[in-house]
């Protein structure tokens, strides 16, 4: 089954975070962005399965 991706706005909404946080801080927090295209306007997306796994790792206690 092919992997499914979310764009930055969808990822921000899914995580209840700002778009700025997703662009600036998410990669530093362990979320891996995927860039589709080589132009300055290339699309950045995140794998849904990796975002869900990252959320589970953030559990306290």
PDB file of N, CA and C in Angstrom:
ATOM      1  N   UNK A   1       0.847  -1.166   0.000  1.00  0.00           N
ATOM      2  CA  UNK A   1       0.000   0.000   0.000  1.00  0.00           C
ATOM      3  C   UNK A   1       0.903   1.243   0.000  1.00  0.00           C
ATOM      4  N   UNK A   2       0.621   2.222  -0.852  1.00  0.00           N
ATOM      5  CA  UNK A   2       1.467   3.419  -0.890  1.00  0.00           C
ATOM      6  C   UNK A   2       1.300   4.266   0.364  1.00  0.00           C
ATOM      7  N   UNK A   3       2.382   4.933   0.731  1.00  0.00           N
ATOM      8  CA  UNK A   3       2.353   5.832   1.889  1.00  0.00           C
ATOM      9  C   UNK A   3       1.461   7.028   1.596  1.00  0.00           C
ATOM     10  N   UNK A   4       0.804   7.533   2.623  1.00  0.00           N
ATOM     11  CA  UNK A   4      -0.027   8.724   2.488  1.00  0.00           C
ATOM     12  C   UNK A   4       0.671   9.880   3.194  1.00  0.00           C
ATOM     13  N   UNK A   5       0.531  11.058   2.611  1.00  0.00           N
ATOM     14  CA  UNK A   5       1.203  12.246   3.109  1.00  0.00           C
ATOM     15  C   UNK A   5       0.201  13.346   3.427  1.00  0.00           C
ATOM     16  N   UNK A   6       0.628  14.278   4.298  1.00  0.00           N
ATOM     17  CA  UNK A   6      -0.141  15.486   4.601  1.00  0.00           C
ATOM     18  C   UNK A   6       0.752  16.678   4.264  1.00  0.00           C
ATOM     19  N   UNK A   7       0.145  17.729   3.739  1.00  0.00           N
ATOM     20  CA  UNK A   7       0.931  18.933   3.529  1.00  0.00           C
ATOM     21  C   UNK A   7       1.121  19.650   4.869  1.00  0.00           C
ATOM     22  N   UNK A   8       1.838  20.758   4.839  1.00  0.00           N
ATOM     23  CA  UNK A   8       2.178  21.461   6.081  1.00  0.00           C
ATOM     24  C   UNK A   8       0.927  21.952   6.807  1.00  0.00           C
ATOM     25  N   UNK A   9      -0.032  22.509   6.077  1.00  0.00           N
ATOM     26  CA  UNK A   9      -1.258  23.001   6.722  1.00  0.00           C
ATOM     27  C   UNK A   9      -2.037  21.866   7.365  1.00  0.00           C
ATOM     28  N   UNK A  10      -2.133  20.741   6.674  1.00  0.00           N
ATOM     29  CA  UNK A  10      -2.840  19.578   7.229  1.00  0.00           C
ATOM     30  C   UNK A  10      -2.114  19.040   8.463  1.00  0.00           C
ATOM     31  N   UNK A  11      -0.788  19.013   8.399  1.00  0.00           N
ATOM     32  CA  UNK A  11       0.001  18.532   9.537  1.00  0.00           C
ATOM     33  C   UNK A  11      -0.180  19.443  10.740  1.00  0.00           C
ATOM     34  N   UNK A  12      -0.157  20.740  10.498  1.00  0.00           N
ATOM     35  CA  UNK A  12      -0.354  21.705  11.590  1.00  0.00           C
ATOM     36  C   UNK A  12      -1.719  21.517  12.233  1.00  0.00           C
ATOM     37  N   UNK A  13      -2.741  21.364  11.424  1.00  0.00           N
ATOM     38  CA  UNK A  13      -4.090  21.162  11.957  1.00  0.00           C
ATOM     39  C   UNK A  13      -4.174  19.844  12.730  1.00  0.00           C
ATOM     40  N   UNK A  14      -3.586  18.784  12.186  1.00  0.00           N
ATOM     41  CA  UNK A  14      -3.596  17.463  12.814  1.00  0.00           C
ATOM     42  C   UNK A  14      -2.932  17.514  14.194  1.00  0.00           C
ATOM     43  N   UNK A  15      -1.844  18.293  14.308  1.00  0.00           N
ATOM     44  CA  UNK A  15      -1.094  18.384  15.564  1.00  0.00           C
ATOM     45  C   UNK A  15      -1.590  19.509  16.463  1.00  0.00           C
ATOM     46  N   UNK A  16      -2.524  20.298  15.979  1.00  0.00           N
ATOM     47  CA  UNK A  16      -3.018  21.468  16.705  1.00  0.00           C
ATOM     48  C   UNK A  16      -1.866  22.430  17.006  1.00  0.00           C
ATOM     49  N   UNK A  17      -1.030  22.634  15.997  1.00  0.00           N
ATOM     50  CA  UNK A  17       0.112  23.538  16.086  1.00  0.00           C
ATOM     51  C   UNK A  17       0.013  24.540  14.937  1.00  0.00           C
ATOM     52  N   UNK A  18       0.875  25.545  14.954  1.00  0.00           N
ATOM     53  CA  UNK A  18       0.870  26.540  13.885  1.00  0.00           C
ATOM     54  C   UNK A  18       1.663  26.033  12.678  1.00  0.00           C
ATOM     55  N   UNK A  19       1.364  26.602  11.529  1.00  0.00           N
ATOM     56  CA  UNK A  19       2.109  26.276  10.308  1.00  0.00           C
ATOM     57  C   UNK A  19       3.580  26.657  10.496  1.00  0.00           C
ATOM     58  N   UNK A  20       3.816  27.786  11.144  1.00  0.00           N
ATOM     59  CA  UNK A  20       5.191  28.222  11.418  1.00  0.00           C
ATOM     60  C   UNK A  20       5.934  27.180  12.231  1.00  0.00           C
ATOM     61  N   UNK A  21       5.277  26.605  13.248  1.00  0.00           N
ATOM     62  CA  UNK A  21       5.916  25.577  14.074  1.00  0.00           C
ATOM     63  C   UNK A  21       6.288  24.368  13.216  1.00  0.00           C
ATOM     64  N   UNK A  22       5.389  23.970  12.324  1.00  0.00           N
ATOM     65  CA  UNK A  22       5.662  22.797  11.479  1.00  0.00           C
ATOM     66  C   UNK A  22       6.871  23.058  10.585  1.00  0.00           C
ATOM     67  N   UNK A  23       6.943  24.237   9.973  1.00  0.00           N
ATOM     68  CA  UNK A  23       8.094  24.556   9.125  1.00  0.00           C
ATOM     69  C   UNK A  23       9.387  24.666   9.936  1.00  0.00           C
ATOM     70  N   UNK A  24       9.348  25.377  11.045  1.00  0.00           N
ATOM     71  CA  UNK A  24      10.562  25.734  11.772  1.00  0.00           C
ATOM     72  C   UNK A  24      10.982  24.686  12.798  1.00  0.00           C
ATOM     73  N   UNK A  25      10.051  24.186  13.595  1.00  0.00           N
ATOM     74  CA  UNK A  25      10.421  23.368  14.753  1.00  0.00           C
ATOM     75  C   UNK A  25      10.190  21.867  14.600  1.00  0.00           C
ATOM     76  N   UNK A  26       9.240  21.480  13.790  1.00  0.00           N
ATOM     77  CA  UNK A  26       8.928  20.047  13.669  1.00  0.00           C
ATOM     78  C   UNK A  26      10.153  19.208  13.295  1.00  0.00           C
ATOM     79  N   UNK A  27      10.964  19.626  12.316  1.00  0.00           N
ATOM     80  CA  UNK A  27      12.149  18.811  11.996  1.00  0.00           C
ATOM     81  C   UNK A  27      13.117  18.690  13.175  1.00  0.00           C
ATOM     82  N   UNK A  28      13.232  19.735  13.989  1.00  0.00           N
ATOM     83  CA  UNK A  28      14.110  19.691  15.169  1.00  0.00           C
ATOM     84  C   UNK A  28      13.540  18.814  16.274  1.00  0.00           C
ATOM     85  N   UNK A  29      12.237  18.555  16.221  1.00  0.00           N
ATOM     86  CA  UNK A  29      11.573  17.741  17.238  1.00  0.00           C
ATOM     87  C   UNK A  29      11.471  16.271  16.821  1.00  0.00           C
ATOM     88  N   UNK A  30      11.988  15.932  15.640  1.00  0.00           N
ATOM     89  CA  UNK A  30      12.015  14.543  15.227  1.00  0.00           C
ATOM     90  C   UNK A  30      11.069  14.171  14.104  1.00  0.00           C
ATOM     91  N   UNK A  31      10.326  15.128  13.578  1.00  0.00           N
ATOM     92  CA  UNK A  31       9.454  14.843  12.436  1.00  0.00           C
ATOM     93  C   UNK A  31      10.243  15.072  11.145  1.00  0.00           C
ATOM     94  N   UNK A  32      10.211  14.108  10.248  1.00  0.00           N
ATOM     95  CA  UNK A  32      10.980  14.192   9.015  1.00  0.00           C
ATOM     96  C   UNK A  32      10.132  14.764   7.886  1.00  0.00           C
ATOM     97  N   UNK A  33      10.530  15.923   7.346  1.00  0.00           N
ATOM     98  CA  UNK A  33       9.801  16.473   6.204  1.00  0.00           C
ATOM     99  C   UNK A  33      10.279  15.824   4.905  1.00  0.00           C
ATOM    100  N   UNK A  34       9.393  15.746   3.943  1.00  0.00           N
ATOM    101  CA  UNK A  34       9.701  15.237   2.613  1.00  0.00           C
ATOM    102  C   UNK A  34       9.447  16.361   1.626  1.00  0.00           C
ATOM    103  N   UNK A  35      10.419  16.623   0.770  1.00  0.00           N
ATOM    104  CA  UNK A  35      10.310  17.704  -0.205  1.00  0.00           C
ATOM    105  C   UNK A  35      10.040  17.105  -1.577  1.00  0.00           C
ATOM    106  N   UNK A  36       8.959  17.553  -2.193  1.00  0.00           N
ATOM    107  CA  UNK A  36       8.584  17.079  -3.521  1.00  0.00           C
ATOM    108  C   UNK A  36       8.791  18.206  -4.525  1.00  0.00           C
ATOM    109  N   UNK A  37       9.814  18.076  -5.352  1.00  0.00           N
ATOM    110  CA  UNK A  37      10.174  19.089  -6.325  1.00  0.00           C
ATOM    111  C   UNK A  37      11.494  19.732  -5.944  1.00  0.00           C
ATOM    112  N   UNK A  38      12.054  20.487  -6.885  1.00  0.00           N
ATOM    113  CA  UNK A  38      13.356  21.105  -6.626  1.00  0.00           C
ATOM    114  C   UNK A  38      13.311  22.627  -6.686  1.00  0.00           C
ATOM    115  N   UNK A  39      12.191  23.185  -7.015  1.00  0.00           N
ATOM    116  CA  UNK A  39      12.076  24.638  -7.093  1.00  0.00           C
ATOM    117  C   UNK A  39      11.919  25.238  -5.696  1.00  0.00           C
ATOM    118  N   UNK A  40      12.078  26.556  -5.577  1.00  0.00           N
ATOM    119  CA  UNK A  40      11.847  27.200  -4.279  1.00  0.00           C
ATOM    120  C   UNK A  40      10.413  26.992  -3.768  1.00  0.00           C
ATOM    121  N   UNK A  41       9.498  26.704  -4.669  1.00  0.00           N
ATOM    122  CA  UNK A  41       8.102  26.465  -4.298  1.00  0.00           C
ATOM    123  C   UNK A  41       7.793  24.979  -4.131  1.00  0.00           C
ATOM    124  N   UNK A  42       8.825  24.155  -3.934  1.00  0.00           N
ATOM    125  CA  UNK A  42       8.624  22.717  -3.780  1.00  0.00           C
ATOM    126  C   UNK A  42       7.726  22.448  -2.585  1.00  0.00           C
ATOM    127  N   UNK A  43       6.942  21.407  -2.692  1.00  0.00           N
ATOM    128  CA  UNK A  43       5.969  21.074  -1.656  1.00  0.00           C
ATOM    129  C   UNK A  43       6.617  20.250  -0.551  1.00  0.00           C
ATOM    130  N   UNK A  44       6.410  20.687   0.690  1.00  0.00           N
ATOM    131  CA  UNK A  44       6.885  19.961   1.872  1.00  0.00           C
ATOM    132  C   UNK A  44       5.703  19.176   2.429  1.00  0.00           C
ATOM    133  N   UNK A  45       5.929  17.890   2.692  1.00  0.00           N
ATOM    134  CA  UNK A  45       4.871  17.047   3.237  1.00  0.00           C
ATOM    135  C   UNK A  45       5.456  16.128   4.310  1.00  0.00           C
ATOM    136  N   UNK A  46       4.545  15.557   5.088  1.00  0.00           N
ATOM    137  CA  UNK A  46       4.918  14.628   6.155  1.00  0.00           C
ATOM    138  C   UNK A  46       4.126  13.341   5.988  1.00  0.00           C
ATOM    139  N   UNK A  47       4.793  12.204   6.239  1.00  0.00           N
ATOM    140  CA  UNK A  47       4.097  10.917   6.187  1.00  0.00           C
ATOM    141  C   UNK A  47       3.144  10.823   7.371  1.00  0.00           C
ATOM    142  N   UNK A  48       1.907  10.468   7.107  1.00  0.00           N
ATOM    143  CA  UNK A  48       0.899  10.352   8.154  1.00  0.00           C
ATOM    144  C   UNK A  48       1.332   9.325   9.195  1.00  0.00           C
ATOM    145  N   UNK A  49       1.847   8.194   8.742  1.00  0.00           N
ATOM    146  CA  UNK A  49       2.246   7.143   9.689  1.00  0.00           C
ATOM    147  C   UNK A  49       3.372   7.614  10.612  1.00  0.00           C
ATOM    148  N   UNK A  50       4.303   8.423  10.103  1.00  0.00           N
ATOM    149  CA  UNK A  50       5.394   8.920  10.927  1.00  0.00           C
ATOM    150  C   UNK A  50       4.901   9.972  11.925  1.00  0.00           C
ATOM    151  N   UNK A  51       3.944  10.792  11.510  1.00  0.00           N
ATOM    152  CA  UNK A  51       3.379  11.791  12.425  1.00  0.00           C
ATOM    153  C   UNK A  51       2.643  11.081  13.556  1.00  0.00           C
ATOM    154  N   UNK A  52       1.879  10.051  13.229  1.00  0.00           N
ATOM    155  CA  UNK A  52       1.147   9.299  14.252  1.00  0.00           C
ATOM    156  C   UNK A  52       2.105   8.615  15.210  1.00  0.00           C
ATOM    157  N   UNK A  53       3.190   8.068  14.692  1.00  0.00           N
ATOM    158  CA  UNK A  53       4.189   7.419  15.541  1.00  0.00           C
ATOM    159  C   UNK A  53       4.870   8.455  16.436  1.00  0.00           C
ATOM    160  N   UNK A  54       5.179   9.620  15.899  1.00  0.00           N
ATOM    161  CA  UNK A  54       5.799  10.696  16.675  1.00  0.00           C
ATOM    162  C   UNK A  54       4.895  11.118  17.831  1.00  0.00           C
ATOM    163  N   UNK A  55       3.589  11.210  17.567  1.00  0.00           N
ATOM    164  CA  UNK A  55       2.629  11.586  18.606  1.00  0.00           C
ATOM    165  C   UNK A  55       2.689  10.588  19.760  1.00  0.00           C
ATOM    166  N   UNK A  56       2.740   9.307  19.451  1.00  0.00           N
ATOM    167  CA  UNK A  56       2.801   8.275  20.493  1.00  0.00           C
ATOM    168  C   UNK A  56       4.055   8.418  21.348  1.00  0.00           C
ATOM    169  N   UNK A  57       5.155   8.874  20.741  1.00  0.00           N
ATOM    170  CA  UNK A  57       6.408   9.039  21.473  1.00  0.00           C
ATOM    171  C   UNK A  57       6.373  10.252  22.405  1.00  0.00           C
ATOM    172  N   UNK A  58       5.409  11.135  22.216  1.00  0.00           N
ATOM    173  CA  UNK A  58       5.327  12.351  23.029  1.00  0.00           C
ATOM    174  C   UNK A  58       4.547  12.137  24.317  1.00  0.00           C
ATOM    175  N   UNK A  59       4.036  10.958  24.517  1.00  0.00           N
ATOM    176  CA  UNK A  59       3.218  10.658  25.685  1.00  0.00           C
ATOM    177  C   UNK A  59       4.037  10.831  26.972  1.00  0.00           C
ATOM    178  N   UNK A  60       3.463  11.531  27.915  1.00  0.00           N
ATOM    179  CA  UNK A  60       4.119  11.730  29.206  1.00  0.00           C
ATOM    180  C   UNK A  60       3.751  10.591  30.170  1.00  0.00           C
ATOM    181  N   UNK A  61       4.690  10.256  31.011  1.00  0.00           N
ATOM    182  CA  UNK A  61       4.427   9.282  32.053  1.00  0.00           C
ATOM    183  C   UNK A  61       4.443   7.910  31.552  1.00  0.00           C
TER     184      UNK A  61
END
